[in-house]
PDB file of N, CA and C in Angstrom:
ATOM      1  N   MET A   1      54.577  31.530 -51.918  1.00  0.00           N
ATOM      2  CA  MET A   1      53.905  31.430 -50.637  1.00  0.00           C
ATOM      3  C   MET A   1      54.731  30.489 -49.749  1.00  0.00           C
ATOM      4  N   THR A   2      54.952  30.917 -48.526  1.00  0.00           N
ATOM      5  CA  THR A   2      55.783  30.128 -47.623  1.00  0.00           C
ATOM      6  C   THR A   2      54.996  28.975 -47.026  1.00  0.00           C
ATOM      7  N   GLY A   3      55.698  28.043 -46.440  1.00  0.00           N
ATOM      8  CA  GLY A   3      55.060  26.892 -45.808  1.00  0.00           C
ATOM      9  C   GLY A   3      54.204  27.294 -44.620  1.00  0.00           C
ATOM     10  N   CYS A   4      54.658  28.282 -43.889  1.00  0.00           N
ATOM     11  CA  CYS A   4      53.902  28.759 -42.723  1.00  0.00           C
ATOM     12  C   CYS A   4      52.564  29.360 -43.156  1.00  0.00           C
ATOM     13  N   ALA A   5      52.566  30.134 -44.238  1.00  0.00           N
ATOM     14  CA  ALA A   5      51.332  30.742 -44.736  1.00  0.00           C
ATOM     15  C   ALA A   5      50.364  29.661 -45.203  1.00  0.00           C
ATOM     16  N   ARG A   6      50.884  28.665 -45.885  1.00  0.00           N
ATOM     17  CA  ARG A   6      50.034  27.556 -46.328  1.00  0.00           C
ATOM     18  C   ARG A   6      49.406  26.838 -45.133  1.00  0.00           C
ATOM     19  N   PHE A   7      50.235  26.627 -44.111  1.00  0.00           N
ATOM     20  CA  PHE A   7      49.734  25.959 -42.907  1.00  0.00           C
ATOM     21  C   PHE A   7      48.612  26.765 -42.254  1.00  0.00           C
ATOM     22  N   ILE A   8      48.783  28.071 -42.155  1.00  0.00           N
ATOM     23  CA  ILE A   8      47.758  28.923 -41.535  1.00  0.00           C
ATOM     24  C   ILE A   8      46.476  28.924 -42.356  1.00  0.00           C
ATOM     25  N   ILE A   9      46.592  28.962 -43.676  1.00  0.00           N
ATOM     26  CA  ILE A   9      45.406  28.930 -44.538  1.00  0.00           C
ATOM     27  C   ILE A   9      44.672  27.600 -44.388  1.00  0.00           C
ATOM     28  N   VAL A  10      45.384  26.496 -44.405  1.00  0.00           N
ATOM     29  CA  VAL A  10      44.771  25.175 -44.245  1.00  0.00           C
ATOM     30  C   VAL A  10      44.129  25.063 -42.861  1.00  0.00           C
ATOM     31  N   LEU A  11      44.805  25.567 -41.844  1.00  0.00           N
ATOM     32  CA  LEU A  11      44.271  25.529 -40.493  1.00  0.00           C
ATOM     33  C   LEU A  11      43.000  26.367 -40.372  1.00  0.00           C
ATOM     34  N   ALA A  12      42.965  27.516 -41.052  1.00  0.00           N
ATOM     35  CA  ALA A  12      41.781  28.373 -41.014  1.00  0.00           C
ATOM     36  C   ALA A  12      40.583  27.697 -41.672  1.00  0.00           C
ATOM     37  N   ILE A  13      40.831  26.806 -42.598  1.00  0.00           N
ATOM     38  CA  ILE A  13      39.733  26.091 -43.268  1.00  0.00           C
ATOM     39  C   ILE A  13      39.363  24.823 -42.504  1.00  0.00           C
ATOM     40  N   LEU A  14      40.349  24.069 -42.056  1.00  0.00           N
ATOM     41  CA  LEU A  14      40.081  22.780 -41.428  1.00  0.00           C
ATOM     42  C   LEU A  14      39.565  22.881 -39.994  1.00  0.00           C
ATOM     43  N   ALA A  15      39.984  23.877 -39.240  1.00  0.00           N
ATOM     44  CA  ALA A  15      39.568  23.984 -37.837  1.00  0.00           C
ATOM     45  C   ALA A  15      38.048  24.125 -37.691  1.00  0.00           C
ATOM     46  N   PRO A  16      37.406  25.039 -38.440  1.00  0.00           N
ATOM     47  CA  PRO A  16      35.940  25.122 -38.328  1.00  0.00           C
ATOM     48  C   PRO A  16      35.238  23.845 -38.796  1.00  0.00           C
ATOM     49  N   LEU A  17      35.766  23.247 -39.857  1.00  0.00           N
ATOM     50  CA  LEU A  17      35.168  21.998 -40.331  1.00  0.00           C
ATOM     51  C   LEU A  17      35.312  20.889 -39.298  1.00  0.00           C
ATOM     52  N   ALA A  18      36.447  20.834 -38.631  1.00  0.00           N
ATOM     53  CA  ALA A  18      36.650  19.828 -37.588  1.00  0.00           C
ATOM     54  C   ALA A  18      35.707  20.078 -36.416  1.00  0.00           C
ATOM     55  N   PHE A  19      35.505  21.342 -36.052  1.00  0.00           N
ATOM     56  CA  PHE A  19      34.580  21.679 -34.972  1.00  0.00           C
ATOM     57  C   PHE A  19      33.156  21.256 -35.314  1.00  0.00           C
ATOM     58  N   LEU A  20      32.715  21.570 -36.529  1.00  0.00           N
ATOM     59  CA  LEU A  20      31.360  21.193 -36.948  1.00  0.00           C
ATOM     60  C   LEU A  20      31.205  19.676 -36.999  1.00  0.00           C
ATOM     61  N   GLY A  21      32.242  18.977 -37.477  1.00  0.00           N
ATOM     62  CA  GLY A  21      32.184  17.514 -37.519  1.00  0.00           C
ATOM     63  C   GLY A  21      32.122  16.912 -36.129  1.00  0.00           C
ATOM     64  N   ALA A  22      32.924  17.443 -35.210  1.00  0.00           N
ATOM     65  CA  ALA A  22      32.906  16.933 -33.829  1.00  0.00           C
ATOM     66  C   ALA A  22      31.572  17.232 -33.155  1.00  0.00           C
ATOM     67  N   SER A  23      31.009  18.400 -33.409  1.00  0.00           N
ATOM     68  CA  SER A  23      29.705  18.744 -32.834  1.00  0.00           C
ATOM     69  C   SER A  23      28.628  17.807 -33.350  1.00  0.00           C
ATOM     70  N   TYR A  24      28.651  17.554 -34.646  1.00  0.00           N
ATOM     71  CA  TYR A  24      27.678  16.633 -35.235  1.00  0.00           C
ATOM     72  C   TYR A  24      27.831  15.238 -34.639  1.00  0.00           C
ATOM     73  N   TYR A  25      29.060  14.797 -34.492  1.00  0.00           N
ATOM     74  CA  TYR A  25      29.328  13.469 -33.936  1.00  0.00           C
ATOM     75  C   TYR A  25      28.815  13.366 -32.502  1.00  0.00           C
ATOM     76  N   ASN A  26      28.946  14.439 -31.710  1.00  0.00           N
ATOM     77  CA  ASN A  26      28.495  14.442 -30.321  1.00  0.00           C
ATOM     78  C   ASN A  26      27.008  14.712 -30.191  1.00  0.00           C
ATOM     79  N   GLY A  27      26.324  14.976 -31.295  1.00  0.00           N
ATOM     80  CA  GLY A  27      24.880  15.136 -31.264  1.00  0.00           C
ATOM     81  C   GLY A  27      24.415  16.548 -30.987  1.00  0.00           C
ATOM     82  N   SER A  28      25.274  17.526 -31.088  1.00  0.00           N
ATOM     83  CA  SER A  28      24.839  18.897 -30.886  1.00  0.00           C
ATOM     84  C   SER A  28      24.915  19.665 -32.204  1.00  0.00           C
ATOM     85  N   ASP A  29      24.294  20.817 -32.230  1.00  0.00           N
ATOM     86  CA  ASP A  29      24.263  21.633 -33.429  1.00  0.00           C
ATOM     87  C   ASP A  29      25.439  22.594 -33.397  1.00  0.00           C
ATOM     88  N   GLY A  30      26.452  22.346 -34.197  1.00  0.00           N
ATOM     89  CA  GLY A  30      27.665  23.154 -34.201  1.00  0.00           C
ATOM     90  C   GLY A  30      27.428  24.570 -34.673  1.00  0.00           C
ATOM     91  N   ILE A  31      26.561  24.733 -35.667  1.00  0.00           N
ATOM     92  CA  ILE A  31      26.283  26.069 -36.186  1.00  0.00           C
ATOM     93  C   ILE A  31      25.574  26.905 -35.132  1.00  0.00           C
ATOM     94  N   GLN A  32      24.615  26.300 -34.420  1.00  0.00           N
ATOM     95  CA  GLN A  32      23.921  27.022 -33.355  1.00  0.00           C
ATOM     96  C   GLN A  32      24.885  27.369 -32.224  1.00  0.00           C
ATOM     97  N   THR A  33      25.823  26.493 -31.948  1.00  0.00           N
ATOM     98  CA  THR A  33      26.824  26.772 -30.918  1.00  0.00           C
ATOM     99  C   THR A  33      27.656  27.987 -31.303  1.00  0.00           C
ATOM    100  N   ILE A  34      28.040  28.066 -32.566  1.00  0.00           N
ATOM    101  CA  ILE A  34      28.808  29.219 -33.035  1.00  0.00           C
ATOM    102  C   ILE A  34      27.961  30.485 -32.971  1.00  0.00           C
ATOM    103  N   LYS A  35      26.687  30.376 -33.369  1.00  0.00           N
ATOM    104  CA  LYS A  35      25.801  31.547 -33.301  1.00  0.00           C
ATOM    105  C   LYS A  35      25.646  32.020 -31.862  1.00  0.00           C
ATOM    106  N   ASP A  36      25.463  31.071 -30.945  1.00  0.00           N
ATOM    107  CA  ASP A  36      25.324  31.441 -29.536  1.00  0.00           C
ATOM    108  C   ASP A  36      26.598  32.073 -28.998  1.00  0.00           C
ATOM    109  N   LEU A  37      27.726  31.618 -29.496  1.00  0.00           N
ATOM    110  CA  LEU A  37      29.008  32.150 -29.055  1.00  0.00           C
ATOM    111  C   LEU A  37      29.166  33.614 -29.445  1.00  0.00           C
ATOM    112  N   PHE A  38      28.694  33.975 -30.631  1.00  0.00           N
ATOM    113  CA  PHE A  38      28.853  35.341 -31.118  1.00  0.00           C
ATOM    114  C   PHE A  38      27.637  36.227 -30.873  1.00  0.00           C
ATOM    115  N   SER A  39      26.553  35.683 -30.366  1.00  0.00           N
ATOM    116  CA  SER A  39      25.377  36.516 -30.118  1.00  0.00           C
ATOM    117  C   SER A  39      25.564  37.307 -28.832  1.00  0.00           C
ATOM    118  N   SER A  40      24.984  38.474 -28.797  1.00  0.00           N
ATOM    119  CA  SER A  40      25.109  39.329 -27.612  1.00  0.00           C
ATOM    120  C   SER A  40      23.888  39.206 -26.715  1.00  0.00           C
ATOM    121  N   SER A  41      22.931  38.388 -27.093  1.00  0.00           N
ATOM    122  CA  SER A  41      21.701  38.245 -26.325  1.00  0.00           C
ATOM    123  C   SER A  41      21.891  37.206 -25.226  1.00  0.00           C
ATOM    124  N   LYS A  42      21.941  37.665 -23.994  1.00  0.00           N
ATOM    125  CA  LYS A  42      22.085  36.747 -22.861  1.00  0.00           C
ATOM    126  C   LYS A  42      20.785  36.003 -22.589  1.00  0.00           C
ATOM    127  N   GLU A  43      19.684  36.607 -22.959  1.00  0.00           N
ATOM    128  CA  GLU A  43      18.378  36.000 -22.709  1.00  0.00           C
ATOM    129  C   GLU A  43      18.234  34.686 -23.462  1.00  0.00           C
ATOM    130  N   LYS A  44      18.728  34.651 -24.684  1.00  0.00           N
ATOM    131  CA  LYS A  44      18.658  33.435 -25.488  1.00  0.00           C
ATOM    132  C   LYS A  44      19.479  32.317 -24.835  1.00  0.00           C
ATOM    133  N   ILE A  45      20.638  32.670 -24.318  1.00  0.00           N
ATOM    134  CA  ILE A  45      21.507  31.693 -23.673  1.00  0.00           C
ATOM    135  C   ILE A  45      20.851  31.170 -22.404  1.00  0.00           C
ATOM    136  N   GLU A  46      20.246  32.059 -21.611  1.00  0.00           N
ATOM    137  CA  GLU A  46      19.608  31.642 -20.361  1.00  0.00           C
ATOM    138  C   GLU A  46      18.430  30.717 -20.624  1.00  0.00           C
ATOM    139  N   SER A  47      17.626  31.021 -21.650  1.00  0.00           N
ATOM    140  CA  SER A  47      16.473  30.167 -21.934  1.00  0.00           C
ATOM    141  C   SER A  47      16.917  28.795 -22.418  1.00  0.00           C
ATOM    142  N   SER A  48      17.975  28.749 -23.246  1.00  0.00           N
ATOM    143  CA  SER A  48      18.452  27.450 -23.710  1.00  0.00           C
ATOM    144  C   SER A  48      19.082  26.673 -22.557  1.00  0.00           C
ATOM    145  N   THR A  49      19.718  27.388 -21.619  1.00  0.00           N
ATOM    146  CA  THR A  49      20.314  26.734 -20.461  1.00  0.00           C
ATOM    147  C   THR A  49      19.220  26.146 -19.580  1.00  0.00           C
ATOM    148  N   ASN A  50      18.134  26.885 -19.361  1.00  0.00           N
ATOM    149  CA  ASN A  50      17.027  26.376 -18.551  1.00  0.00           C
ATOM    150  C   ASN A  50      16.386  25.159 -19.195  1.00  0.00           C
ATOM    151  N   ALA A  51      16.229  25.191 -20.503  1.00  0.00           N
ATOM    152  CA  ALA A  51      15.643  24.042 -21.197  1.00  0.00           C
ATOM    153  C   ALA A  51      16.556  22.833 -21.084  1.00  0.00           C
ATOM    154  N   SER A  52      17.856  23.052 -21.248  1.00  0.00           N
ATOM    155  CA  SER A  52      18.771  21.924 -21.149  1.00  0.00           C
ATOM    156  C   SER A  52      18.857  21.419 -19.715  1.00  0.00           C
ATOM    157  N   ASN A  53      18.750  22.324 -18.722  1.00  0.00           N
ATOM    158  CA  ASN A  53      18.746  21.898 -17.321  1.00  0.00           C
ATOM    159  C   ASN A  53      17.528  21.042 -17.022  1.00  0.00           C
ATOM    160  N   ASN A  54      16.365  21.415 -17.572  1.00  0.00           N
ATOM    161  CA  ASN A  54      15.162  20.612 -17.364  1.00  0.00           C
ATOM    162  C   ASN A  54      15.317  19.235 -17.974  1.00  0.00           C
ATOM    163  N   ASP A  55      15.929  19.174 -19.160  1.00  0.00           N
ATOM    164  CA  ASP A  55      16.180  17.877 -19.795  1.00  0.00           C
ATOM    165  C   ASP A  55      17.172  17.063 -18.975  1.00  0.00           C
ATOM    166  N   ASP A  56      18.193  17.739 -18.450  1.00  0.00           N
ATOM    167  CA  ASP A  56      19.186  17.052 -17.625  1.00  0.00           C
ATOM    168  C   ASP A  56      18.553  16.480 -16.361  1.00  0.00           C
ATOM    169  N   VAL A  57      17.675  17.271 -15.729  1.00  0.00           N
ATOM    170  CA  VAL A  57      17.004  16.810 -14.511  1.00  0.00           C
ATOM    171  C   VAL A  57      16.130  15.601 -14.825  1.00  0.00           C
ATOM    172  N   LYS A  58      15.434  15.659 -15.932  1.00  0.00           N
ATOM    173  CA  LYS A  58      14.582  14.530 -16.336  1.00  0.00           C
ATOM    174  C   LYS A  58      15.426  13.283 -16.584  1.00  0.00           C
ATOM    175  N   ASP A  59      16.539  13.454 -17.289  1.00  0.00           N
ATOM    176  CA  ASP A  59      17.424  12.322 -17.562  1.00  0.00           C
ATOM    177  C   ASP A  59      17.995  11.742 -16.276  1.00  0.00           C
ATOM    178  N   ILE A  60      18.384  12.614 -15.356  1.00  0.00           N
ATOM    179  CA  ILE A  60      18.953  12.152 -14.091  1.00  0.00           C
ATOM    180  C   ILE A  60      17.906  11.410 -13.273  1.00  0.00           C
ATOM    181  N   ARG A  61      16.677  11.900 -13.268  1.00  0.00           N
ATOM    182  CA  ARG A  61      15.608  11.212 -12.526  1.00  0.00           C
ATOM    183  C   ARG A  61      15.325   9.834 -13.117  1.00  0.00           C
ATOM    184  N   GLU A  62      15.297   9.756 -14.451  1.00  0.00           N
ATOM    185  CA  GLU A  62      15.079   8.458 -15.094  1.00  0.00           C
ATOM    186  C   GLU A  62      16.211   7.494 -14.756  1.00  0.00           C
ATOM    187  N   GLU A  63      17.425   8.010 -14.783  1.00  0.00           N
ATOM    188  CA  GLU A  63      18.574   7.175 -14.454  1.00  0.00           C
ATOM    189  C   GLU A  63      18.518   6.723 -12.997  1.00  0.00           C
ATOM    190  N   LEU A  64      18.100   7.622 -12.109  1.00  0.00           N
ATOM    191  CA  LEU A  64      17.973   7.289 -10.695  1.00  0.00           C
ATOM    192  C   LEU A  64      16.939   6.186 -10.493  1.00  0.00           C
ATOM    193  N   GLU A  65      15.798   6.283 -11.154  1.00  0.00           N
ATOM    194  CA  GLU A  65      14.769   5.250 -11.039  1.00  0.00           C
ATOM    195  C   GLU A  65      15.286   3.914 -11.555  1.00  0.00           C
ATOM    196  N   TYR A  66      16.021   3.949 -12.646  1.00  0.00           N
ATOM    197  CA  TYR A  66      16.588   2.715 -13.192  1.00  0.00           C
ATOM    198  C   TYR A  66      17.515   2.057 -12.175  1.00  0.00           C
ATOM    199  N   TYR A  67      18.404   2.851 -11.578  1.00  0.00           N
ATOM    200  CA  TYR A  67      19.362   2.287 -10.634  1.00  0.00           C
ATOM    201  C   TYR A  67      18.689   1.843  -9.336  1.00  0.00           C
ATOM    202  N   LYS A  68      17.616   2.518  -8.934  1.00  0.00           N
ATOM    203  CA  LYS A  68      16.886   2.065  -7.745  1.00  0.00           C
ATOM    204  C   LYS A  68      16.249   0.705  -7.996  1.00  0.00           C
ATOM    205  N   SER A  69      15.615   0.543  -9.146  1.00  0.00           N
ATOM    206  CA  SER A  69      14.980  -0.744  -9.445  1.00  0.00           C
ATOM    207  C   SER A  69      16.036  -1.841  -9.609  1.00  0.00           C
ATOM    208  N   ARG A  70      17.147  -1.499 -10.221  1.00  0.00           N
ATOM    209  CA  ARG A  70      18.220  -2.481 -10.369  1.00  0.00           C
ATOM    210  C   ARG A  70      18.783  -2.876  -9.005  1.00  0.00           C
ATOM    211  N   ASN A  71      18.942  -1.911  -8.121  1.00  0.00           N
ATOM    212  CA  ASN A  71      19.425  -2.175  -6.772  1.00  0.00           C
ATOM    213  C   ASN A  71      18.469  -3.121  -6.035  1.00  0.00           C
ATOM    214  N   ASN A  72      17.163  -2.881  -6.161  1.00  0.00           N
ATOM    215  CA  ASN A  72      16.185  -3.759  -5.512  1.00  0.00           C
ATOM    216  C   ASN A  72      16.278  -5.186  -6.044  1.00  0.00           C
ATOM    217  N   ARG A  73      16.427  -5.322  -7.369  1.00  0.00           N
ATOM    218  CA  ARG A  73      16.550  -6.665  -7.941  1.00  0.00           C
ATOM    219  C   ARG A  73      17.813  -7.357  -7.446  1.00  0.00           C
ATOM    220  N   LEU A  74      18.902  -6.614  -7.382  1.00  0.00           N
ATOM    221  CA  LEU A  74      20.160  -7.206  -6.927  1.00  0.00           C
ATOM    222  C   LEU A  74      20.093  -7.589  -5.447  1.00  0.00           C
ATOM    223  N   GLU A  75      19.411  -6.782  -4.630  1.00  0.00           N
ATOM    224  CA  GLU A  75      19.246  -7.137  -3.213  1.00  0.00           C
ATOM    225  C   GLU A  75      18.433  -8.420  -3.064  1.00  0.00           C
ATOM    226  N   LYS A  76      17.400  -8.569  -3.886  1.00  0.00           N
ATOM    227  CA  LYS A  76      16.605  -9.805  -3.838  1.00  0.00           C
ATOM    228  C   LYS A  76      17.461 -11.000  -4.260  1.00  0.00           C
ATOM    229  N   ASP A  77      18.260 -10.804  -5.298  1.00  0.00           N
ATOM    230  CA  ASP A  77      19.153 -11.884  -5.739  1.00  0.00           C
ATOM    231  C   ASP A  77      20.129 -12.270  -4.633  1.00  0.00           C
ATOM    232  N   ILE A  78      20.656 -11.278  -3.937  1.00  0.00           N
ATOM    233  CA  ILE A  78      21.599 -11.551  -2.840  1.00  0.00           C
ATOM    234  C   ILE A  78      20.922 -12.350  -1.747  1.00  0.00           C
ATOM    235  N   GLU A  79      19.695 -11.950  -1.389  1.00  0.00           N
ATOM    236  CA  GLU A  79      18.961 -12.689  -0.349  1.00  0.00           C
ATOM    237  C   GLU A  79      18.735 -14.135  -0.762  1.00  0.00           C
ATOM    238  N   GLU A  80      18.349 -14.359  -2.017  1.00  0.00           N
ATOM    239  CA  GLU A  80      18.114 -15.720  -2.499  1.00  0.00           C
ATOM    240  C   GLU A  80      19.415 -16.530  -2.479  1.00  0.00           C
ATOM    241  N   LEU A  81      20.496 -15.917  -2.888  1.00  0.00           N
ATOM    242  CA  LEU A  81      21.776 -16.618  -2.901  1.00  0.00           C
ATOM    243  C   LEU A  81      22.273 -16.914  -1.490  1.00  0.00           C
ATOM    244  N   GLU A  82      22.010 -15.999  -0.549  1.00  0.00           N
ATOM    245  CA  GLU A  82      22.391 -16.260   0.839  1.00  0.00           C
ATOM    246  C   GLU A  82      21.599 -17.432   1.406  1.00  0.00           C
ATOM    247  N   LYS A  83      20.304 -17.508   1.081  1.00  0.00           N
ATOM    248  CA  LYS A  83      19.482 -18.636   1.528  1.00  0.00           C
ATOM    249  C   LYS A  83      20.006 -19.939   0.931  1.00  0.00           C
ATOM    250  N   GLU A  84      20.335 -19.890  -0.352  1.00  0.00           N
ATOM    251  CA  GLU A  84      20.857 -21.077  -1.019  1.00  0.00           C
ATOM    252  C   GLU A  84      22.198 -21.497  -0.412  1.00  0.00           C
ATOM    253  N   LEU A  85      23.042 -20.525  -0.090  1.00  0.00           N
ATOM    254  CA  LEU A  85      24.332 -20.804   0.525  1.00  0.00           C
ATOM    255  C   LEU A  85      24.147 -21.444   1.897  1.00  0.00           C
ATOM    256  N   ASN A  86      23.224 -20.911   2.692  1.00  0.00           N
ATOM    257  CA  ASN A  86      22.957 -21.487   4.006  1.00  0.00           C
ATOM    258  C   ASN A  86      22.441 -22.916   3.892  1.00  0.00           C
ATOM    259  N   ALA A  87      21.578 -23.156   2.901  1.00  0.00           N
ATOM    260  CA  ALA A  87      21.065 -24.508   2.696  1.00  0.00           C
ATOM    261  C   ALA A  87      22.197 -25.455   2.301  1.00  0.00           C
ATOM    262  N   LYS A  88      23.101 -24.998   1.454  1.00  0.00           N
ATOM    263  CA  LYS A  88      24.229 -25.835   1.045  1.00  0.00           C
ATOM    264  C   LYS A  88      25.178 -26.086   2.218  1.00  0.00           C
ATOM    265  N   ASP A  89      25.375 -25.064   3.076  1.00  0.00           N
ATOM    266  CA  ASP A  89      26.210 -25.257   4.265  1.00  0.00           C
ATOM    267  C   ASP A  89      25.601 -26.314   5.185  1.00  0.00           C
ATOM    268  N   GLU A  90      24.299 -26.255   5.362  1.00  0.00           N
ATOM    269  CA  GLU A  90      23.612 -27.258   6.198  1.00  0.00           C
ATOM    270  C   GLU A  90      23.762 -28.640   5.586  1.00  0.00           C
ATOM    271  N   GLU A  91      23.628 -28.722   4.276  1.00  0.00           N
ATOM    272  CA  GLU A  91      23.763 -30.002   3.586  1.00  0.00           C
ATOM    273  C   GLU A  91      25.184 -30.560   3.761  1.00  0.00           C
ATOM    274  N   ILE A  92      26.174 -29.688   3.682  1.00  0.00           N
ATOM    275  CA  ILE A  92      27.561 -30.118   3.874  1.00  0.00           C
ATOM    276  C   ILE A  92      27.761 -30.635   5.301  1.00  0.00           C
ATOM    277  N   LYS A  93      27.191 -29.943   6.286  1.00  0.00           N
ATOM    278  CA  LYS A  93      27.306 -30.383   7.683  1.00  0.00           C
ATOM    279  C   LYS A  93      26.665 -31.749   7.878  1.00  0.00           C
ATOM    280  N   GLU A  94      25.510 -31.950   7.264  1.00  0.00           N
ATOM    281  CA  GLU A  94      24.824 -33.231   7.371  1.00  0.00           C
ATOM    282  C   GLU A  94      25.655 -34.334   6.732  1.00  0.00           C
ATOM    283  N   LEU A  95      26.229 -34.063   5.587  1.00  0.00           N
ATOM    284  CA  LEU A  95      27.038 -35.071   4.909  1.00  0.00           C
ATOM    285  C   LEU A  95      28.300 -35.409   5.699  1.00  0.00           C
ATOM    286  N   LYS A  96      28.918 -34.405   6.329  1.00  0.00           N
ATOM    287  CA  LYS A  96      30.107 -34.648   7.121  1.00  0.00           C
ATOM    288  C   LYS A  96      29.781 -35.417   8.393  1.00  0.00           C
ATOM    289  N   SER A  97      28.636 -35.101   8.988  1.00  0.00           N
ATOM    290  CA  SER A  97      28.280 -35.800  10.230  1.00  0.00           C
ATOM    291  C   SER A  97      27.816 -37.235   9.973  1.00  0.00           C
ATOM    292  N   GLY A  98      27.365 -37.509   8.774  1.00  0.00           N
ATOM    293  CA  GLY A  98      26.895 -38.845   8.436  1.00  0.00           C
ATOM    294  C   GLY A  98      28.021 -39.817   8.149  1.00  0.00           C
ATOM    295  N   GLN A  99      29.225 -39.367   7.991  1.00  0.00           N
ATOM    296  CA  GLN A  99      30.330 -40.256   7.635  1.00  0.00           C
ATOM    297  C   GLN A  99      30.848 -40.976   8.794  1.00  0.00           C
TER     298      GLN A  99
END
């Protein structure tokens, strides 16, 4: 058996295993992905796409709410720091004028 044939045989075994391992690592079902790839039913693909789109929309909305609340907290922090900065500037002016 030639080296090229050995390489092709090893590649034919390792490539699917690597795909399944990567799918598992990324949190998806590799076997279902392969089944969907070879299935001729478009309806199954559309329903899974709609379900995943609904999950995506929910995740995006949750993320949006998180960033809105974080933005509000940061704006309040900025306002407080600006007030503190103005107070320190006034204090510096008073100290300079008192000398």
